[in-house]
C-alpha atoms as a PDB file:
ATOM      1  CA  MET A   1       0.020  -0.014   0.032  1.00  0.00           C
ATOM      2  CA  ARG A   2       1.347   3.409  -1.034  1.00  0.00           C
ATOM      3  CA  GLU A   3       1.766   6.034   1.622  1.00  0.00           C
ATOM      4  CA  PRO A   4      -0.290   9.140   0.887  1.00  0.00           C
ATOM      5  CA  MET A   5       1.637  12.298  -0.074  1.00  0.00           C
ATOM      6  CA  SER A   6       2.058  14.900   2.634  1.00  0.00           C
ATOM      7  CA  GLN A   7      -0.030  18.037   2.123  1.00  0.00           C
ATOM      8  CA  PRO A   8       2.919  20.370   1.371  1.00  0.00           C
ATOM      9  CA  ARG A   9       4.315  17.945  -1.212  1.00  0.00           C
ATOM     10  CA  PHE A  10       0.954  17.446  -2.769  1.00  0.00           C
ATOM     11  CA  PHE A  11       0.387  21.214  -3.224  1.00  0.00           C
ATOM     12  CA  LEU A  12       3.957  21.767  -4.468  1.00  0.00           C
ATOM     13  CA  LYS A  13       3.548  18.912  -7.068  1.00  0.00           C
ATOM     14  CA  THR A  14       0.096  20.145  -8.109  1.00  0.00           C
ATOM     15  CA  LEU A  15       0.682  23.899  -8.147  1.00  0.00           C
ATOM     16  CA  GLN A  16       4.162  23.908  -9.610  1.00  0.00           C
ATOM     17  CA  PRO A  17       3.011  23.525 -13.264  1.00  0.00           C
ATOM     18  CA  LEU A  18       0.355  26.144 -12.724  1.00  0.00           C
ATOM     19  CA  CYS A  19       2.934  28.609 -11.276  1.00  0.00           C
ATOM     20  CA  VAL A  20       5.193  28.034 -14.299  1.00  0.00           C
ATOM     21  CA  VAL A  21       2.410  28.866 -16.704  1.00  0.00           C
ATOM     22  CA  VAL A  22       1.358  31.957 -14.764  1.00  0.00           C
ATOM     23  CA  LEU A  23       4.933  33.212 -14.559  1.00  0.00           C
ATOM     24  CA  ALA A  24       5.435  32.689 -18.308  1.00  0.00           C
ATOM     25  CA  LEU A  25       2.254  34.581 -19.091  1.00  0.00           C
ATOM     26  CA  LEU A  26       3.310  37.519 -16.841  1.00  0.00           C
ATOM     27  CA  LEU A  27       6.814  37.643 -18.317  1.00  0.00           C
ATOM     28  CA  SER A  28       5.455  37.582 -21.895  1.00  0.00           C
ATOM     29  CA  ALA A  29       2.973  40.350 -21.165  1.00  0.00           C
ATOM     30  CA  CYS A  30       5.579  42.736 -19.874  1.00  0.00           C
ATOM     31  CA  ALA A  31       8.203  44.409 -22.046  1.00  0.00           C
ATOM     32  CA  SER A  32      11.785  44.368 -21.220  1.00  0.00           C
ATOM     33  CA  LYS A  33      13.068  46.909 -18.696  1.00  0.00           C
ATOM     34  CA  ARG A  34      15.366  48.218 -21.429  1.00  0.00           C
ATOM     35  CA  TYR A  35      15.215  48.699 -25.154  1.00  0.00           C
ATOM     36  CA  THR A  36      18.558  47.558 -26.622  1.00  0.00           C
ATOM     37  CA  TYR A  37      19.634  48.267 -30.204  1.00  0.00           C
ATOM     38  CA  ARG A  38      20.321  45.041 -32.098  1.00  0.00           C
ATOM     39  CA  TYR A  39      21.808  44.875 -35.560  1.00  0.00           C
ATOM     40  CA  ARG A  40      20.455  42.091 -37.787  1.00  0.00           C
ATOM     41  CA  ALA A  41      22.031  41.737 -41.219  1.00  0.00           C
ATOM     42  CA  GLY A  42      19.388  42.295 -43.916  1.00  0.00           C
ATOM     43  CA  TYR A  43      16.782  43.536 -41.455  1.00  0.00           C
ATOM     44  CA  THR A  44      18.323  46.567 -39.851  1.00  0.00           C
ATOM     45  CA  ALA A  45      17.982  50.033 -41.496  1.00  0.00           C
ATOM     46  CA  SER A  46      21.136  52.128 -41.862  1.00  0.00           C
ATOM     47  CA  LEU A  47      21.465  55.606 -40.324  1.00  0.00           C
ATOM     48  CA  GLU A  48      23.563  58.344 -41.709  1.00  0.00           C
ATOM     49  CA  ASN A  49      23.416  62.003 -40.581  1.00  0.00           C
ATOM     50  CA  GLY A  50      20.043  61.471 -39.016  1.00  0.00           C
ATOM     51  CA  ILE A  51      18.403  59.939 -42.067  1.00  0.00           C
ATOM     52  CA  ALA A  52      17.404  56.289 -42.063  1.00  0.00           C
ATOM     53  CA  ARG A  53      17.501  54.039 -45.126  1.00  0.00           C
ATOM     54  CA  ALA A  54      15.374  50.841 -45.109  1.00  0.00           C
ATOM     55  CA  PRO A  55      17.062  47.594 -45.923  1.00  0.00           C
ATOM     56  CA  ASP A  56      16.396  46.503 -49.580  1.00  0.00           C
ATOM     57  CA  ARG A  57      14.577  43.363 -48.502  1.00  0.00           C
ATOM     58  CA  ALA A  58      12.071  45.266 -46.258  1.00  0.00           C
ATOM     59  CA  PRO A  59       8.437  45.371 -47.300  1.00  0.00           C
ATOM     60  CA  GLN A  60       7.158  48.503 -49.049  1.00  0.00           C
ATOM     61  CA  ALA A  61       5.238  49.576 -45.809  1.00  0.00           C
ATOM     62  CA  VAL A  62       8.561  49.703 -43.980  1.00  0.00           C
ATOM     63  CA  HIS A  63      10.167  51.814 -46.724  1.00  0.00           C
ATOM     64  CA  GLU A  64       7.123  54.128 -46.463  1.00  0.00           C
ATOM     65  CA  ALA A  65       7.354  54.204 -42.592  1.00  0.00           C
ATOM     66  CA  ILE A  66      10.970  55.199 -42.733  1.00  0.00           C
ATOM     67  CA  ALA A  67      10.315  57.839 -45.386  1.00  0.00           C
ATOM     68  CA  ALA A  68       7.596  59.397 -43.146  1.00  0.00           C
ATOM     69  CA  GLY A  69       9.980  59.404 -40.192  1.00  0.00           C
ATOM     70  CA  ASN A  70      12.717  61.035 -42.271  1.00  0.00           C
ATOM     71  CA  ARG A  71      10.307  63.810 -43.287  1.00  0.00           C
ATOM     72  CA  ILE A  72       9.860  64.891 -39.646  1.00  0.00           C
ATOM     73  CA  ALA A  73      13.198  63.780 -38.131  1.00  0.00           C
ATOM     74  CA  GLY A  74      14.955  66.809 -36.646  1.00  0.00           C
ATOM     75  CA  LEU A  75      11.833  68.864 -36.226  1.00  0.00           C
ATOM     76  CA  PRO A  76      11.333  70.348 -32.687  1.00  0.00           C
ATOM     77  CA  TYR A  77       9.282  68.833 -29.922  1.00  0.00           C
ATOM     78  CA  ARG A  78       5.908  70.350 -29.041  1.00  0.00           C
ATOM     79  CA  ARG A  79       3.309  68.770 -26.793  1.00  0.00           C
ATOM     80  CA  GLY A  80       0.362  67.969 -29.011  1.00  0.00           C
ATOM     81  CA  GLY A  81       2.444  68.333 -32.099  1.00  0.00           C
ATOM     82  CA  GLY A  82       1.422  66.013 -34.993  1.00  0.00           C
ATOM     83  CA  HIS A  83      -2.198  65.714 -33.823  1.00  0.00           C
ATOM     84  CA  GLY A  84      -5.128  67.016 -35.740  1.00  0.00           C
ATOM     85  CA  VAL A  85      -3.153  67.811 -38.865  1.00  0.00           C
ATOM     86  CA  LEU A  86      -1.421  65.616 -41.417  1.00  0.00           C
ATOM     87  CA  GLU A  87       1.768  67.749 -41.467  1.00  0.00           C
ATOM     88  CA  ASP A  88       2.974  69.825 -38.531  1.00  0.00           C
ATOM     89  CA  ASN A  89       6.032  71.904 -37.734  1.00  0.00           C
ATOM     90  CA  ALA A  90       6.740  70.189 -34.401  1.00  0.00           C
ATOM     91  CA  TYR A  91       5.825  66.723 -32.957  1.00  0.00           C
ATOM     92  CA  ASP A  92       5.362  65.019 -29.702  1.00  0.00           C
ATOM     93  CA  CYS A  93       6.054  61.325 -29.085  1.00  0.00           C
ATOM     94  CA  SER A  94       2.636  59.999 -30.119  1.00  0.00           C
ATOM     95  CA  GLY A  95       2.352  62.510 -33.007  1.00  0.00           C
ATOM     96  CA  SER A  96       5.613  61.137 -34.253  1.00  0.00           C
ATOM     97  CA  VAL A  97       4.701  57.494 -33.964  1.00  0.00           C
ATOM     98  CA  SER A  98       1.298  58.243 -35.595  1.00  0.00           C
ATOM     99  CA  CYS A  99       3.057  59.955 -38.482  1.00  0.00           C
ATOM    100  CA  VAL A 100       5.349  56.900 -39.069  1.00  0.00           C
ATOM    101  CA  LEU A 101       2.469  54.412 -38.886  1.00  0.00           C
ATOM    102  CA  ARG A 102       0.245  56.572 -41.194  1.00  0.00           C
ATOM    103  CA  GLY A 103       3.174  56.584 -43.659  1.00  0.00           C
ATOM    104  CA  ALA A 104       3.196  52.792 -43.524  1.00  0.00           C
ATOM    105  CA  GLY A 105      -0.548  52.629 -44.130  1.00  0.00           C
ATOM    106  CA  LYS A 106      -1.107  51.144 -40.683  1.00  0.00           C
ATOM    107  CA  LEU A 107      -2.948  54.012 -38.980  1.00  0.00           C
ATOM    108  CA  ARG A 108      -5.658  56.382 -40.226  1.00  0.00           C
ATOM    109  CA  THR A 109      -5.387  59.184 -37.680  1.00  0.00           C
ATOM    110  CA  SER A 110      -3.194  60.309 -34.785  1.00  0.00           C
ATOM    111  CA  MET A 111      -3.419  58.522 -31.430  1.00  0.00           C
ATOM    112  CA  PRO A 112      -2.363  59.561 -27.959  1.00  0.00           C
ATOM    113  CA  SER A 113       0.455  57.642 -26.288  1.00  0.00           C
ATOM    114  CA  ASN A 114      -1.866  55.663 -23.940  1.00  0.00           C
ATOM    115  CA  ALA A 115      -3.961  54.345 -26.863  1.00  0.00           C
ATOM    116  CA  PHE A 116      -0.852  52.684 -28.426  1.00  0.00           C
ATOM    117  CA  ARG A 117      -0.835  50.238 -25.465  1.00  0.00           C
ATOM    118  CA  LYS A 118      -3.720  48.444 -27.261  1.00  0.00           C
ATOM    119  CA  TYR A 119      -2.643  49.181 -30.854  1.00  0.00           C
ATOM    120  CA  GLY A 120      -2.361  46.307 -33.399  1.00  0.00           C
ATOM    121  CA  LYS A 121      -1.131  42.966 -32.193  1.00  0.00           C
ATOM    122  CA  SER A 122       0.609  42.092 -28.990  1.00  0.00           C
ATOM    123  CA  GLY A 123       4.358  41.519 -28.927  1.00  0.00           C
ATOM    124  CA  GLU A 124       7.368  42.442 -31.066  1.00  0.00           C
ATOM    125  CA  GLY A 125       6.918  42.719 -34.785  1.00  0.00           C
ATOM    126  CA  LYS A 126       9.302  41.444 -37.452  1.00  0.00           C
ATOM    127  CA  TRP A 127       9.777  44.919 -38.906  1.00  0.00           C
ATOM    128  CA  ILE A 128       7.886  47.441 -36.781  1.00  0.00           C
ATOM    129  CA  THR A 129       7.414  47.393 -32.981  1.00  0.00           C
ATOM    130  CA  VAL A 130       5.604  50.086 -30.977  1.00  0.00           C
ATOM    131  CA  TRP A 131       6.846  50.511 -27.412  1.00  0.00           C
ATOM    132  CA  ALA A 132       4.045  52.108 -25.340  1.00  0.00           C
ATOM    133  CA  ARG A 133       3.374  53.032 -21.711  1.00  0.00           C
ATOM    134  CA  LYS A 134       1.291  55.543 -19.974  1.00  0.00           C
ATOM    135  CA  GLY A 135       2.562  58.950 -21.088  1.00  0.00           C
ATOM    136  CA  HIS A 136       5.089  57.939 -23.714  1.00  0.00           C
ATOM    137  CA  VAL A 137       5.467  55.911 -26.862  1.00  0.00           C
ATOM    138  CA  PHE A 138       8.194  55.270 -29.367  1.00  0.00           C
ATOM    139  CA  VAL A 139       8.528  53.022 -32.429  1.00  0.00           C
ATOM    140  CA  VAL A 140      11.294  50.748 -33.680  1.00  0.00           C
ATOM    141  CA  VAL A 141      11.314  50.367 -37.504  1.00  0.00           C
ATOM    142  CA  ALA A 142      13.749  47.840 -39.149  1.00  0.00           C
ATOM    143  CA  GLY A 143      15.830  47.946 -35.936  1.00  0.00           C
ATOM    144  CA  LEU A 144      16.092  51.764 -35.591  1.00  0.00           C
ATOM    145  CA  ARG A 145      14.373  53.565 -32.722  1.00  0.00           C
ATOM    146  CA  PHE A 146      12.340  56.658 -33.662  1.00  0.00           C
ATOM    147  CA  ASP A 147      11.793  58.559 -30.462  1.00  0.00           C
ATOM    148  CA  THR A 148      11.448  62.098 -29.004  1.00  0.00           C
ATOM    149  CA  GLY A 149      13.934  61.446 -26.321  1.00  0.00           C
ATOM    150  CA  TRP A 150      13.719  60.039 -22.823  1.00  0.00           C
ATOM    151  CA  ASP A 151      15.907  62.232 -20.657  1.00  0.00           C
ATOM    152  CA  ASN A 152      13.415  64.888 -19.930  1.00  0.00           C
ATOM    153  CA  SER A 153      14.712  66.980 -22.794  1.00  0.00           C
ATOM    154  CA  SER A 154      12.503  68.693 -25.337  1.00  0.00           C
ATOM    155  CA  GLU A 155      14.196  66.886 -28.238  1.00  0.00           C
ATOM    156  CA  GLY A 156      11.917  66.377 -31.228  1.00  0.00           C
ATOM    157  CA  PRO A 157      11.615  63.122 -33.221  1.00  0.00           C
ATOM    158  CA  ARG A 158      14.909  61.413 -34.135  1.00  0.00           C
ATOM    159  CA  TRP A 159      16.209  58.122 -35.408  1.00  0.00           C
ATOM    160  CA  THR A 160      18.775  56.542 -33.078  1.00  0.00           C
ATOM    161  CA  THR A 161      20.602  53.361 -32.267  1.00  0.00           C
ATOM    162  CA  ARG A 162      20.954  54.348 -28.597  1.00  0.00           C
ATOM    163  CA  SER A 163      19.534  52.050 -26.046  1.00  0.00           C
ATOM    164  CA  ARG A 164      17.093  53.354 -23.426  1.00  0.00           C
ATOM    165  CA  PRO A 165      15.237  52.358 -20.269  1.00  0.00           C
ATOM    166  CA  ALA A 166      11.875  50.817 -21.036  1.00  0.00           C
ATOM    167  CA  ARG A 167      10.353  49.713 -17.757  1.00  0.00           C
ATOM    168  CA  GLY A 168       6.583  49.530 -17.918  1.00  0.00           C
ATOM    169  CA  TYR A 169       6.332  49.516 -21.736  1.00  0.00           C
ATOM    170  CA  VAL A 170       4.245  47.021 -23.683  1.00  0.00           C
ATOM    171  CA  LEU A 171       5.207  45.960 -27.119  1.00  0.00           C
ATOM    172  CA  ARG A 172       2.708  46.015 -29.953  1.00  0.00           C
ATOM    173  CA  HIS A 173       3.013  45.753 -33.754  1.00  0.00           C
ATOM    174  CA  PRO A 174       0.938  46.290 -36.892  1.00  0.00           C
ATOM    175  CA  SER A 175      -0.508  43.185 -38.366  1.00  0.00           C
ATOM    176  CA  GLY A 176       1.825  41.627 -40.916  1.00  0.00           C
ATOM    177  CA  LEU A 177       4.820  43.596 -39.942  1.00  0.00           C
END
C-alpha cells in the first residue's frame, strides 16, 4: 500500500506547473526593462546624418514608414504636435509614432500615447514594434528607434541606435509587420 503524499508535497507537485504557466504569461505580457539596439544583417535600417534607409529586402510599408519618419526627423518637440493635422512643424512622441504608422498605411489618424498600449497585435513585430506606456510611446522600424527622447529633454523626433530604459512598456506591432 502506497503512503499518501504529505499536504505540502501534494500542493507543491500540483501547483508547480500552474505557477510556471502563470509566470510565463506575466513575463510575456511585460516588455523588457530596457530597449537595446540590435543589428540584424538584412533587417536593420542604416542611419547616416540622422536619415534612415530601409534595408532592400524590407516590405514597401517599412520603406514608407521610414520615409515618413525622415520627413519629420529633426523637427522640434511640441506637446500635442502632430495631432489634428497631417503635417505639422513640431511633434510630440505620439504624433511622431502616428506619422510613421500613417506613412506605412497602418494607422488612419493620430493617437495619444496611452492608446498605443492596445494598438495592433501584442508583442514584437518582425519589422515594426511600438513601445508604449502611460505617457510615452516610441517606435522601432527595421531595428532603428524613432523617439522624441527620454531624458526629460525637449528633443523632437529622431532616429537613433541608442539603447534606453523601457520599464513599464508594452510591445505592439501592426498586423503583418
